[in-house]
Amino acid sequence: DKITFVGNLSPIMLAMGEISEIEDYAKKLIRELAPGGGYIFSSGHSINPAVTVDRFEAMQNIKRKYGTYPINIPN
């Protein structure tokens, strides 16, 4: 049996967190949930209107850089 996880990047962090915090947490999610398949990286819910373009782009850049299989994220 397998399970797939979707999201988990907190909408609150995405709206109010520092870009470095968003990047670190996004890498942690991908590092811990993606190996072996079964993880779809996205926000934990919808994209709040308070999310700045910089924060949204940070999330997308991490996805592009580290979210491709095989997963290989340095600690």
PDB file of N, CA and C in Angstrom:
ATOM      1  N   ASP A   1       0.829  -1.183   0.000  1.00  0.00           N
ATOM      2  CA  ASP A   1       0.000   0.000   0.000  1.00  0.00           C
ATOM      3  C   ASP A   1       0.875   1.248   0.000  1.00  0.00           C
ATOM      4  N   LYS A   2       0.409   2.258  -0.703  1.00  0.00           N
ATOM      5  CA  LYS A   2       1.140   3.526  -0.768  1.00  0.00           C
ATOM      6  C   LYS A   2       0.188   4.673  -0.508  1.00  0.00           C
ATOM      7  N   ILE A   3       0.760   5.791  -0.113  1.00  0.00           N
ATOM      8  CA  ILE A   3      -0.014   7.006   0.129  1.00  0.00           C
ATOM      9  C   ILE A   3       0.714   8.167  -0.544  1.00  0.00           C
ATOM     10  N   THR A   4      -0.035   9.136  -1.000  1.00  0.00           N
ATOM     11  CA  THR A   4       0.538  10.336  -1.603  1.00  0.00           C
ATOM     12  C   THR A   4       0.218  11.537  -0.727  1.00  0.00           C
ATOM     13  N   PHE A   5       1.227  12.343  -0.469  1.00  0.00           N
ATOM     14  CA  PHE A   5       1.046  13.587   0.277  1.00  0.00           C
ATOM     15  C   PHE A   5       1.010  14.743  -0.713  1.00  0.00           C
ATOM     16  N   VAL A   6       0.101  15.692  -0.476  1.00  0.00           N
ATOM     17  CA  VAL A   6      -0.020  16.877  -1.321  1.00  0.00           C
ATOM     18  C   VAL A   6       0.067  18.105  -0.432  1.00  0.00           C
ATOM     19  N   GLY A   7       0.914  19.049  -0.816  1.00  0.00           N
ATOM     20  CA  GLY A   7       0.945  20.325  -0.111  1.00  0.00           C
ATOM     21  C   GLY A   7       1.887  20.347   1.067  1.00  0.00           C
ATOM     22  N   ASN A   8       1.363  20.825   2.171  1.00  0.00           N
ATOM     23  CA  ASN A   8       2.054  20.908   3.457  1.00  0.00           C
ATOM     24  C   ASN A   8       2.907  22.148   3.655  1.00  0.00           C
ATOM     25  N   LEU A   9       3.048  23.001   2.644  1.00  0.00           N
ATOM     26  CA  LEU A   9       3.730  24.273   2.881  1.00  0.00           C
ATOM     27  C   LEU A   9       2.690  25.235   3.444  1.00  0.00           C
ATOM     28  N   SER A  10       2.849  25.592   4.682  1.00  0.00           N
ATOM     29  CA  SER A  10       1.867  26.392   5.412  1.00  0.00           C
ATOM     30  C   SER A  10       1.506  27.686   4.687  1.00  0.00           C
ATOM     31  N   PRO A  11       0.205  27.945   4.485  1.00  0.00           N
ATOM     32  CA  PRO A  11      -0.203  29.211   3.880  1.00  0.00           C
ATOM     33  C   PRO A  11       0.196  30.414   4.733  1.00  0.00           C
ATOM     34  N   ILE A  12       0.251  30.227   6.039  1.00  0.00           N
ATOM     35  CA  ILE A  12       0.668  31.316   6.932  1.00  0.00           C
ATOM     36  C   ILE A  12       2.147  31.621   6.728  1.00  0.00           C
ATOM     37  N   MET A  13       2.973  30.561   6.651  1.00  0.00           N
ATOM     38  CA  MET A  13       4.398  30.775   6.406  1.00  0.00           C
ATOM     39  C   MET A  13       4.598  31.431   5.048  1.00  0.00           C
ATOM     40  N   LEU A  14       3.857  30.988   4.062  1.00  0.00           N
ATOM     41  CA  LEU A  14       4.001  31.544   2.725  1.00  0.00           C
ATOM     42  C   LEU A  14       3.604  33.023   2.688  1.00  0.00           C
ATOM     43  N   ALA A  15       2.630  33.406   3.485  1.00  0.00           N
ATOM     44  CA  ALA A  15       2.168  34.797   3.512  1.00  0.00           C
ATOM     45  C   ALA A  15       3.035  35.692   4.387  1.00  0.00           C
ATOM     46  N   MET A  16       3.599  35.147   5.470  1.00  0.00           N
ATOM     47  CA  MET A  16       4.268  36.006   6.448  1.00  0.00           C
ATOM     48  C   MET A  16       5.714  35.639   6.739  1.00  0.00           C
ATOM     49  N   GLY A  17       6.186  34.489   6.273  1.00  0.00           N
ATOM     50  CA  GLY A  17       7.536  34.046   6.596  1.00  0.00           C
ATOM     51  C   GLY A  17       8.599  34.771   5.794  1.00  0.00           C
ATOM     52  N   GLU A  18       9.798  34.716   6.307  1.00  0.00           N
ATOM     53  CA  GLU A  18      10.949  35.226   5.563  1.00  0.00           C
ATOM     54  C   GLU A  18      11.218  34.270   4.400  1.00  0.00           C
ATOM     55  N   ILE A  19      11.753  34.783   3.325  1.00  0.00           N
ATOM     56  CA  ILE A  19      12.029  33.937   2.167  1.00  0.00           C
ATOM     57  C   ILE A  19      12.966  32.798   2.541  1.00  0.00           C
ATOM     58  N   SER A  20      13.949  33.057   3.376  1.00  0.00           N
ATOM     59  CA  SER A  20      14.871  31.992   3.794  1.00  0.00           C
ATOM     60  C   SER A  20      14.134  30.893   4.561  1.00  0.00           C
ATOM     61  N   GLU A  21      13.143  31.262   5.372  1.00  0.00           N
ATOM     62  CA  GLU A  21      12.345  30.268   6.101  1.00  0.00           C
ATOM     63  C   GLU A  21      11.511  29.429   5.136  1.00  0.00           C
ATOM     64  N   ILE A  22      10.920  30.078   4.159  1.00  0.00           N
ATOM     65  CA  ILE A  22      10.121  29.364   3.161  1.00  0.00           C
ATOM     66  C   ILE A  22      10.999  28.380   2.399  1.00  0.00           C
ATOM     67  N   GLU A  23      12.163  28.830   1.978  1.00  0.00           N
ATOM     68  CA  GLU A  23      13.083  27.962   1.243  1.00  0.00           C
ATOM     69  C   GLU A  23      13.531  26.785   2.096  1.00  0.00           C
ATOM     70  N   ASP A  24      13.914  27.041   3.339  1.00  0.00           N
ATOM     71  CA  ASP A  24      14.374  25.963   4.221  1.00  0.00           C
ATOM     72  C   ASP A  24      13.275  24.941   4.476  1.00  0.00           C
ATOM     73  N   TYR A  25      12.061  25.414   4.739  1.00  0.00           N
ATOM     74  CA  TYR A  25      10.966  24.493   5.035  1.00  0.00           C
ATOM     75  C   TYR A  25      10.541  23.724   3.785  1.00  0.00           C
ATOM     76  N   ALA A  26      10.535  24.388   2.636  1.00  0.00           N
ATOM     77  CA  ALA A  26      10.190  23.704   1.387  1.00  0.00           C
ATOM     78  C   ALA A  26      11.197  22.596   1.094  1.00  0.00           C
ATOM     79  N   LYS A  27      12.476  22.868   1.277  1.00  0.00           N
ATOM     80  CA  LYS A  27      13.500  21.836   1.071  1.00  0.00           C
ATOM     81  C   LYS A  27      13.306  20.686   2.047  1.00  0.00           C
ATOM     82  N   LYS A  28      12.966  20.991   3.289  1.00  0.00           N
ATOM     83  CA  LYS A  28      12.725  19.952   4.298  1.00  0.00           C
ATOM     84  C   LYS A  28      11.565  19.060   3.869  1.00  0.00           C
ATOM     85  N   LEU A  29      10.475  19.659   3.404  1.00  0.00           N
ATOM     86  CA  LEU A  29       9.326  18.868   2.955  1.00  0.00           C
ATOM     87  C   LEU A  29       9.712  17.943   1.811  1.00  0.00           C
ATOM     88  N   ILE A  30      10.380  18.487   0.812  1.00  0.00           N
ATOM     89  CA  ILE A  30      10.772  17.673  -0.336  1.00  0.00           C
ATOM     90  C   ILE A  30      11.743  16.586   0.093  1.00  0.00           C
ATOM     91  N   ARG A  31      12.724  16.938   0.912  1.00  0.00           N
ATOM     92  CA  ARG A  31      13.727  15.974   1.376  1.00  0.00           C
ATOM     93  C   ARG A  31      13.081  14.815   2.129  1.00  0.00           C
ATOM     94  N   GLU A  32      12.087  15.115   2.970  1.00  0.00           N
ATOM     95  CA  GLU A  32      11.506  14.087   3.831  1.00  0.00           C
ATOM     96  C   GLU A  32      10.347  13.328   3.190  1.00  0.00           C
ATOM     97  N   LEU A  33       9.589  13.972   2.316  1.00  0.00           N
ATOM     98  CA  LEU A  33       8.378  13.335   1.797  1.00  0.00           C
ATOM     99  C   LEU A  33       8.507  12.791   0.378  1.00  0.00           C
ATOM    100  N   ALA A  34       9.434  13.309  -0.418  1.00  0.00           N
ATOM    101  CA  ALA A  34       9.475  12.946  -1.831  1.00  0.00           C
ATOM    102  C   ALA A  34      10.240  11.671  -2.180  1.00  0.00           C
ATOM    103  N   PRO A  35      11.317  11.308  -1.468  1.00  0.00           N
ATOM    104  CA  PRO A  35      12.051  10.120  -1.890  1.00  0.00           C
ATOM    105  C   PRO A  35      11.142   8.893  -2.010  1.00  0.00           C
ATOM    106  N   GLY A  36      11.288   8.204  -3.124  1.00  0.00           N
ATOM    107  CA  GLY A  36      10.475   7.020  -3.362  1.00  0.00           C
ATOM    108  C   GLY A  36       9.143   7.334  -4.022  1.00  0.00           C
ATOM    109  N   GLY A  37       8.873   8.608  -4.282  1.00  0.00           N
ATOM    110  CA  GLY A  37       7.613   9.002  -4.909  1.00  0.00           C
ATOM    111  C   GLY A  37       6.549   9.291  -3.876  1.00  0.00           C
ATOM    112  N   GLY A  38       5.415   9.746  -4.336  1.00  0.00           N
ATOM    113  CA  GLY A  38       4.292   9.946  -3.436  1.00  0.00           C
ATOM    114  C   GLY A  38       4.220  11.301  -2.766  1.00  0.00           C
ATOM    115  N   TYR A  39       4.829  12.330  -3.366  1.00  0.00           N
ATOM    116  CA  TYR A  39       4.695  13.669  -2.807  1.00  0.00           C
ATOM    117  C   TYR A  39       4.473  14.669  -3.928  1.00  0.00           C
ATOM    118  N   ILE A  40       3.442  15.492  -3.777  1.00  0.00           N
ATOM    119  CA  ILE A  40       3.154  16.574  -4.710  1.00  0.00           C
ATOM    120  C   ILE A  40       3.355  17.875  -3.944  1.00  0.00           C
ATOM    121  N   PHE A  41       4.394  18.608  -4.301  1.00  0.00           N
ATOM    122  CA  PHE A  41       4.743  19.838  -3.595  1.00  0.00           C
ATOM    123  C   PHE A  41       3.786  20.959  -3.982  1.00  0.00           C
ATOM    124  N   SER A  42       3.191  21.588  -2.979  1.00  0.00           N
ATOM    125  CA  SER A  42       2.334  22.758  -3.192  1.00  0.00           C
ATOM    126  C   SER A  42       2.080  23.406  -1.845  1.00  0.00           C
ATOM    127  N   SER A  43       1.353  24.516  -1.873  1.00  0.00           N
ATOM    128  CA  SER A  43       0.995  25.132  -0.594  1.00  0.00           C
ATOM    129  C   SER A  43       0.027  24.204   0.124  1.00  0.00           C
ATOM    130  N   GLY A  44      -0.130  24.416   1.409  1.00  0.00           N
ATOM    131  CA  GLY A  44      -1.021  23.578   2.199  1.00  0.00           C
ATOM    132  C   GLY A  44      -2.483  23.862   1.940  1.00  0.00           C
ATOM    133  N   HIS A  45      -2.782  24.865   1.169  1.00  0.00           N
ATOM    134  CA  HIS A  45      -4.160  25.242   0.844  1.00  0.00           C
ATOM    135  C   HIS A  45      -4.080  26.147  -0.372  1.00  0.00           C
ATOM    136  N   SER A  46      -4.920  27.126  -0.464  1.00  0.00           N
ATOM    137  CA  SER A  46      -4.870  28.070  -1.579  1.00  0.00           C
ATOM    138  C   SER A  46      -3.754  29.093  -1.345  1.00  0.00           C
ATOM    139  N   ILE A  47      -3.496  29.906  -2.347  1.00  0.00           N
ATOM    140  CA  ILE A  47      -2.505  30.970  -2.206  1.00  0.00           C
ATOM    141  C   ILE A  47      -3.230  32.223  -1.717  1.00  0.00           C
ATOM    142  N   ASN A  48      -2.912  32.631  -0.497  1.00  0.00           N
ATOM    143  CA  ASN A  48      -3.528  33.780   0.153  1.00  0.00           C
ATOM    144  C   ASN A  48      -3.168  35.068  -0.590  1.00  0.00           C
ATOM    145  N   PRO A  49      -4.082  36.024  -0.682  1.00  0.00           N
ATOM    146  CA  PRO A  49      -3.766  37.302  -1.330  1.00  0.00           C
ATOM    147  C   PRO A  49      -2.606  38.054  -0.672  1.00  0.00           C
ATOM    148  N   ALA A  50      -2.278  37.725   0.573  1.00  0.00           N
ATOM    149  CA  ALA A  50      -1.171  38.389   1.268  1.00  0.00           C
ATOM    150  C   ALA A  50       0.195  37.873   0.823  1.00  0.00           C
ATOM    151  N   VAL A  51       0.232  36.795   0.048  1.00  0.00           N
ATOM    152  CA  VAL A  51       1.504  36.232  -0.413  1.00  0.00           C
ATOM    153  C   VAL A  51       2.098  37.170  -1.463  1.00  0.00           C
ATOM    154  N   THR A  52       3.328  37.600  -1.207  1.00  0.00           N
ATOM    155  CA  THR A  52       4.003  38.492  -2.157  1.00  0.00           C
ATOM    156  C   THR A  52       4.553  37.685  -3.330  1.00  0.00           C
ATOM    157  N   VAL A  53       4.815  38.377  -4.410  1.00  0.00           N
ATOM    158  CA  VAL A  53       5.399  37.731  -5.587  1.00  0.00           C
ATOM    159  C   VAL A  53       6.735  37.096  -5.217  1.00  0.00           C
ATOM    160  N   ASP A  54       7.540  37.781  -4.408  1.00  0.00           N
ATOM    161  CA  ASP A  54       8.844  37.240  -4.005  1.00  0.00           C
ATOM    162  C   ASP A  54       8.699  35.920  -3.263  1.00  0.00           C
ATOM    163  N   ARG A  55       7.739  35.843  -2.370  1.00  0.00           N
ATOM    164  CA  ARG A  55       7.537  34.608  -1.606  1.00  0.00           C
ATOM    165  C   ARG A  55       7.036  33.483  -2.514  1.00  0.00           C
ATOM    166  N   PHE A  56       6.099  33.807  -3.385  1.00  0.00           N
ATOM    167  CA  PHE A  56       5.577  32.800  -4.307  1.00  0.00           C
ATOM    168  C   PHE A  56       6.686  32.300  -5.232  1.00  0.00           C
ATOM    169  N   GLU A  57       7.488  33.218  -5.752  1.00  0.00           N
ATOM    170  CA  GLU A  57       8.598  32.822  -6.619  1.00  0.00           C
ATOM    171  C   GLU A  57       9.622  31.978  -5.877  1.00  0.00           C
ATOM    172  N   ALA A  58       9.867  32.282  -4.610  1.00  0.00           N
ATOM    173  CA  ALA A  58      10.794  31.466  -3.813  1.00  0.00           C
ATOM    174  C   ALA A  58      10.287  30.033  -3.737  1.00  0.00           C
ATOM    175  N   MET A  59       8.988  29.858  -3.484  1.00  0.00           N
ATOM    176  CA  MET A  59       8.402  28.521  -3.426  1.00  0.00           C
ATOM    177  C   MET A  59       8.564  27.812  -4.776  1.00  0.00           C
ATOM    178  N   GLN A  60       8.284  28.504  -5.860  1.00  0.00           N
ATOM    179  CA  GLN A  60       8.388  27.906  -7.188  1.00  0.00           C
ATOM    180  C   GLN A  60       9.838  27.561  -7.541  1.00  0.00           C
ATOM    181  N   ASN A  61      10.772  28.427  -7.174  1.00  0.00           N
ATOM    182  CA  ASN A  61      12.182  28.165  -7.469  1.00  0.00           C
ATOM    183  C   ASN A  61      12.693  26.936  -6.737  1.00  0.00           C
ATOM    184  N   ILE A  62      12.292  26.770  -5.485  1.00  0.00           N
ATOM    185  CA  ILE A  62      12.696  25.574  -4.734  1.00  0.00           C
ATOM    186  C   ILE A  62      12.114  24.334  -5.395  1.00  0.00           C
ATOM    187  N   LYS A  63      10.858  24.411  -5.794  1.00  0.00           N
ATOM    188  CA  LYS A  63      10.221  23.270  -6.465  1.00  0.00           C
ATOM    189  C   LYS A  63      10.992  22.902  -7.730  1.00  0.00           C
ATOM    190  N   ARG A  64      11.328  23.889  -8.526  1.00  0.00           N
ATOM    191  CA  ARG A  64      12.056  23.621  -9.772  1.00  0.00           C
ATOM    192  C   ARG A  64      13.465  23.079  -9.511  1.00  0.00           C
ATOM    193  N   LYS A  65      14.118  23.634  -8.505  1.00  0.00           N
ATOM    194  CA  LYS A  65      15.509  23.249  -8.236  1.00  0.00           C
ATOM    195  C   LYS A  65      15.621  21.878  -7.580  1.00  0.00           C
ATOM    196  N   TYR A  66      14.730  21.571  -6.631  1.00  0.00           N
ATOM    197  CA  TYR A  66      14.887  20.355  -5.837  1.00  0.00           C
ATOM    198  C   TYR A  66      13.767  19.335  -6.007  1.00  0.00           C
ATOM    199  N   GLY A  67      12.694  19.685  -6.709  1.00  0.00           N
ATOM    200  CA  GLY A  67      11.536  18.800  -6.758  1.00  0.00           C
ATOM    201  C   GLY A  67      11.490  17.861  -7.938  1.00  0.00           C
ATOM    202  N   THR A  68      12.630  17.605  -8.564  1.00  0.00           N
ATOM    203  CA  THR A  68      12.699  16.694  -9.696  1.00  0.00           C
ATOM    204  C   THR A  68      13.380  15.409  -9.257  1.00  0.00           C
ATOM    205  N   TYR A  69      12.802  14.292  -9.669  1.00  0.00           N
ATOM    206  CA  TYR A  69      13.398  13.002  -9.318  1.00  0.00           C
ATOM    207  C   TYR A  69      14.604  12.731 -10.191  1.00  0.00           C
ATOM    208  N   PRO A  70      15.642  12.089  -9.654  1.00  0.00           N
ATOM    209  CA  PRO A  70      15.755  11.632  -8.266  1.00  0.00           C
ATOM    210  C   PRO A  70      15.994  12.810  -7.323  1.00  0.00           C
ATOM    211  N   ILE A  71      15.385  12.736  -6.158  1.00  0.00           N
ATOM    212  CA  ILE A  71      15.493  13.791  -5.153  1.00  0.00           C
ATOM    213  C   ILE A  71      16.889  13.765  -4.550  1.00  0.00           C
ATOM    214  N   ASN A  72      17.541  14.921  -4.566  1.00  0.00           N
ATOM    215  CA  ASN A  72      18.884  15.029  -3.997  1.00  0.00           C
ATOM    216  C   ASN A  72      19.045  16.433  -3.432  1.00  0.00           C
ATOM    217  N   ILE A  73      18.730  16.584  -2.148  1.00  0.00           N
ATOM    218  CA  ILE A  73      18.821  17.881  -1.490  1.00  0.00           C
ATOM    219  C   ILE A  73      19.893  17.802  -0.411  1.00  0.00           C
ATOM    220  N   PRO A  74      20.936  18.612  -0.534  1.00  0.00           N
ATOM    221  CA  PRO A  74      21.949  18.615   0.525  1.00  0.00           C
ATOM    222  C   PRO A  74      21.372  19.158   1.828  1.00  0.00           C
ATOM    223  N   ASN A  75      21.905  18.671   2.941  1.00  0.00           N
ATOM    224  CA  ASN A  75      21.417  19.139   4.251  1.00  0.00           C
ATOM    225  C   ASN A  75      21.843  20.517   4.535  1.00  0.00           C
TER     226      ASN A  75
END
